[in-house]
C-alpha atoms as a PDB file:
ATOM      1  CA  UNK A   1      50.894 -15.765  -4.585  1.00  0.00           C
ATOM      2  CA  UNK A   2      48.475 -16.963  -7.134  1.00  0.00           C
ATOM      3  CA  UNK A   3      49.015 -15.642 -10.697  1.00  0.00           C
ATOM      4  CA  UNK A   4      46.635 -15.401 -13.396  1.00  0.00           C
ATOM      5  CA  UNK A   5      47.706 -14.465 -17.025  1.00  0.00           C
ATOM      6  CA  UNK A   6      45.415 -13.371 -19.716  1.00  0.00           C
ATOM      7  CA  UNK A   7      45.750 -11.446 -23.018  1.00  0.00           C
ATOM      8  CA  UNK A   8      47.093 -14.004 -25.569  1.00  0.00           C
ATOM      9  CA  UNK A   9      45.788 -14.513 -29.089  1.00  0.00           C
ATOM     10  CA  UNK A  10      46.535 -14.259 -32.597  1.00  0.00           C
ATOM     11  CA  UNK A  11      47.874 -11.383 -34.444  1.00  0.00           C
ATOM     12  CA  UNK A  12      49.417 -10.606 -37.679  1.00  0.00           C
ATOM     13  CA  UNK A  13      53.258  -9.799 -37.893  1.00  0.00           C
ATOM     14  CA  UNK A  14      53.681  -6.146 -36.866  1.00  0.00           C
ATOM     15  CA  UNK A  15      50.815  -6.089 -34.484  1.00  0.00           C
ATOM     16  CA  UNK A  16      50.599  -5.587 -30.777  1.00  0.00           C
ATOM     17  CA  UNK A  17      49.336  -7.402 -27.943  1.00  0.00           C
ATOM     18  CA  UNK A  18      49.174  -6.581 -24.030  1.00  0.00           C
ATOM     19  CA  UNK A  19      49.271  -9.606 -21.709  1.00  0.00           C
ATOM     20  CA  UNK A  20      48.206  -9.004 -18.066  1.00  0.00           C
ATOM     21  CA  UNK A  21      48.846 -11.072 -14.945  1.00  0.00           C
ATOM     22  CA  UNK A  22      46.950 -10.687 -11.791  1.00  0.00           C
ATOM     23  CA  UNK A  23      48.420 -11.736  -8.586  1.00  0.00           C
ATOM     24  CA  UNK A  24      46.784 -12.580  -5.321  1.00  0.00           C
ATOM     25  CA  UNK A  25      48.223 -11.880  -2.059  1.00  0.00           C
ATOM     26  CA  UNK A  26      49.122  -8.744   0.097  1.00  0.00           C
ATOM     27  CA  UNK A  27      52.888  -9.268  -0.388  1.00  0.00           C
ATOM     28  CA  UNK A  28      53.040  -8.555  -4.223  1.00  0.00           C
ATOM     29  CA  UNK A  29      55.547  -5.655  -3.719  1.00  0.00           C
ATOM     30  CA  UNK A  30      58.129  -7.945  -2.414  1.00  0.00           C
ATOM     31  CA  UNK A  31      58.092 -10.117  -5.565  1.00  0.00           C
ATOM     32  CA  UNK A  32      60.150  -9.440  -8.968  1.00  0.00           C
ATOM     33  CA  UNK A  33      57.758 -10.232 -11.520  1.00  0.00           C
ATOM     34  CA  UNK A  34      58.862 -11.789 -14.866  1.00  0.00           C
ATOM     35  CA  UNK A  35      57.472 -12.975 -18.161  1.00  0.00           C
ATOM     36  CA  UNK A  36      58.769 -16.221 -19.654  1.00  0.00           C
ATOM     37  CA  UNK A  37      57.748 -17.631 -22.966  1.00  0.00           C
ATOM     38  CA  UNK A  38      58.318 -21.258 -24.388  1.00  0.00           C
ATOM     39  CA  UNK A  39      58.129 -21.686 -28.056  1.00  0.00           C
ATOM     40  CA  UNK A  40      57.335 -25.218 -29.607  1.00  0.00           C
ATOM     41  CA  UNK A  41      60.341 -27.499 -29.280  1.00  0.00           C
ATOM     42  CA  UNK A  42      62.392 -25.052 -27.424  1.00  0.00           C
ATOM     43  CA  UNK A  43      63.227 -24.174 -23.745  1.00  0.00           C
ATOM     44  CA  UNK A  44      61.527 -21.758 -21.761  1.00  0.00           C
ATOM     45  CA  UNK A  45      63.284 -18.404 -21.650  1.00  0.00           C
ATOM     46  CA  UNK A  46      63.146 -15.248 -19.671  1.00  0.00           C
ATOM     47  CA  UNK A  47      61.676 -12.497 -21.596  1.00  0.00           C
ATOM     48  CA  UNK A  48      61.355  -9.463 -19.156  1.00  0.00           C
ATOM     49  CA  UNK A  49      61.814  -8.693 -15.473  1.00  0.00           C
ATOM     50  CA  UNK A  50      60.896  -5.932 -13.228  1.00  0.00           C
ATOM     51  CA  UNK A  51      61.748  -5.591  -9.542  1.00  0.00           C
ATOM     52  CA  UNK A  52      59.327  -3.977  -6.963  1.00  0.00           C
ATOM     53  CA  UNK A  53      61.179  -0.932  -7.367  1.00  0.00           C
ATOM     54  CA  UNK A  54      63.857   0.142 -10.160  1.00  0.00           C
ATOM     55  CA  UNK A  55      64.297  -0.751 -13.898  1.00  0.00           C
ATOM     56  CA  UNK A  56      63.044  -3.525 -16.099  1.00  0.00           C
ATOM     57  CA  UNK A  57      65.343  -5.889 -17.953  1.00  0.00           C
ATOM     58  CA  UNK A  58      64.597  -7.426 -21.097  1.00  0.00           C
ATOM     59  CA  UNK A  59      66.146 -10.249 -23.373  1.00  0.00           C
ATOM     60  CA  UNK A  60      67.927  -8.924 -26.437  1.00  0.00           C
ATOM     61  CA  UNK A  61      65.464 -10.281 -28.792  1.00  0.00           C
ATOM     62  CA  UNK A  62      62.467  -8.115 -27.420  1.00  0.00           C
ATOM     63  CA  UNK A  63      64.343  -5.062 -26.419  1.00  0.00           C
ATOM     64  CA  UNK A  64      62.734  -1.998 -27.779  1.00  0.00           C
ATOM     65  CA  UNK A  65      59.506  -4.061 -28.733  1.00  0.00           C
ATOM     66  CA  UNK A  66      58.285  -5.233 -25.433  1.00  0.00           C
ATOM     67  CA  UNK A  67      57.667  -3.308 -22.333  1.00  0.00           C
ATOM     68  CA  UNK A  68      56.774  -4.787 -18.998  1.00  0.00           C
ATOM     69  CA  UNK A  69      55.234  -2.706 -16.120  1.00  0.00           C
ATOM     70  CA  UNK A  70      53.442  -3.251 -12.765  1.00  0.00           C
ATOM     71  CA  UNK A  71      50.975  -1.722 -10.740  1.00  0.00           C
ATOM     72  CA  UNK A  72      51.703  -2.517  -7.010  1.00  0.00           C
ATOM     73  CA  UNK A  73      48.559  -1.102  -5.892  1.00  0.00           C
ATOM     74  CA  UNK A  74      46.566  -3.333  -8.154  1.00  0.00           C
ATOM     75  CA  UNK A  75      48.849  -6.523  -7.718  1.00  0.00           C
ATOM     76  CA  UNK A  76      49.069  -6.675 -11.505  1.00  0.00           C
ATOM     77  CA  UNK A  77      52.047  -7.102 -14.167  1.00  0.00           C
ATOM     78  CA  UNK A  78      51.729  -6.304 -17.600  1.00  0.00           C
ATOM     79  CA  UNK A  79      53.720  -7.071 -21.056  1.00  0.00           C
ATOM     80  CA  UNK A  80      52.852  -4.723 -23.910  1.00  0.00           C
ATOM     81  CA  UNK A  81      54.373  -6.350 -26.861  1.00  0.00           C
ATOM     82  CA  UNK A  82      54.701  -4.207 -30.103  1.00  0.00           C
ATOM     83  CA  UNK A  83      55.769  -4.871 -33.655  1.00  0.00           C
ATOM     84  CA  UNK A  84      55.287  -8.474 -32.977  1.00  0.00           C
ATOM     85  CA  UNK A  85      57.215 -11.101 -35.282  1.00  0.00           C
ATOM     86  CA  UNK A  86      56.560 -14.683 -36.125  1.00  0.00           C
ATOM     87  CA  UNK A  87      59.259 -15.941 -33.872  1.00  0.00           C
ATOM     88  CA  UNK A  88      57.455 -14.255 -30.831  1.00  0.00           C
ATOM     89  CA  UNK A  89      54.827 -17.195 -31.079  1.00  0.00           C
ATOM     90  CA  UNK A  90      55.118 -18.812 -27.812  1.00  0.00           C
ATOM     91  CA  UNK A  91      53.328 -19.807 -24.597  1.00  0.00           C
ATOM     92  CA  UNK A  92      53.913 -16.809 -22.162  1.00  0.00           C
ATOM     93  CA  UNK A  93      54.080 -17.276 -18.448  1.00  0.00           C
ATOM     94  CA  UNK A  94      53.921 -14.881 -15.730  1.00  0.00           C
ATOM     95  CA  UNK A  95      56.371 -15.808 -12.795  1.00  0.00           C
ATOM     96  CA  UNK A  96      56.938 -14.381  -9.557  1.00  0.00           C
ATOM     97  CA  UNK A  97      60.050 -14.727  -7.598  1.00  0.00           C
ATOM     98  CA  UNK A  98      60.327 -13.676  -3.676  1.00  0.00           C
ATOM     99  CA  UNK A  99      62.765 -11.017  -3.522  1.00  0.00           C
ATOM    100  CA  UNK A 100      64.088 -12.035   0.026  1.00  0.00           C
ATOM    101  CA  UNK A 101      64.380 -15.683  -0.621  1.00  0.00           C
ATOM    102  CA  UNK A 102      64.675 -16.094  -4.525  1.00  0.00           C
ATOM    103  CA  UNK A 103      64.103 -19.888  -4.363  1.00  0.00           C
ATOM    104  CA  UNK A 104      60.459 -19.179  -3.539  1.00  0.00           C
ATOM    105  CA  UNK A 105      58.721 -18.784  -6.869  1.00  0.00           C
ATOM    106  CA  UNK A 106      55.376 -19.124  -8.352  1.00  0.00           C
ATOM    107  CA  UNK A 107      54.271 -19.602 -11.962  1.00  0.00           C
ATOM    108  CA  UNK A 108      51.002 -18.556 -13.642  1.00  0.00           C
ATOM    109  CA  UNK A 109      49.237 -20.612 -16.297  1.00  0.00           C
ATOM    110  CA  UNK A 110      50.420 -19.856 -19.798  1.00  0.00           C
ATOM    111  CA  UNK A 111      48.847 -17.783 -22.380  1.00  0.00           C
ATOM    112  CA  UNK A 112      49.194 -18.509 -26.003  1.00  0.00           C
ATOM    113  CA  UNK A 113      50.519 -15.625 -28.418  1.00  0.00           C
ATOM    114  CA  UNK A 114      50.288 -16.606 -32.086  1.00  0.00           C
ATOM    115  CA  UNK A 115      51.871 -14.318 -34.585  1.00  0.00           C
ATOM    116  CA  UNK A 116      51.249 -15.213 -38.274  1.00  0.00           C
ATOM    117  CA  UNK A 117      53.507 -13.681 -41.020  1.00  0.00           C
END
């Protein structure tokens, strides 16, 4: 699986952005899809995760503001980010983890989100 993330940019606090991640390959439906982020000087952290079927999960810091979704027919995963805060500034990465064998994972290139206060 190859992943291509897009949609980052600069926005003022309180604004919204939508990140997209396009996945290649025909077995997308077997992957748990995740969004991670890494802020300057900080470790990479898991922001949101969505299994092939079932409910999404979120980091406490983004609950109620971010929504992860996927379209298995289009091999796409999205991260809708609302009510953005300056602390959401980070490089966001799309990640795919193979459900039958979770040590198999793939990363996309990052997309930078900058939130100004």
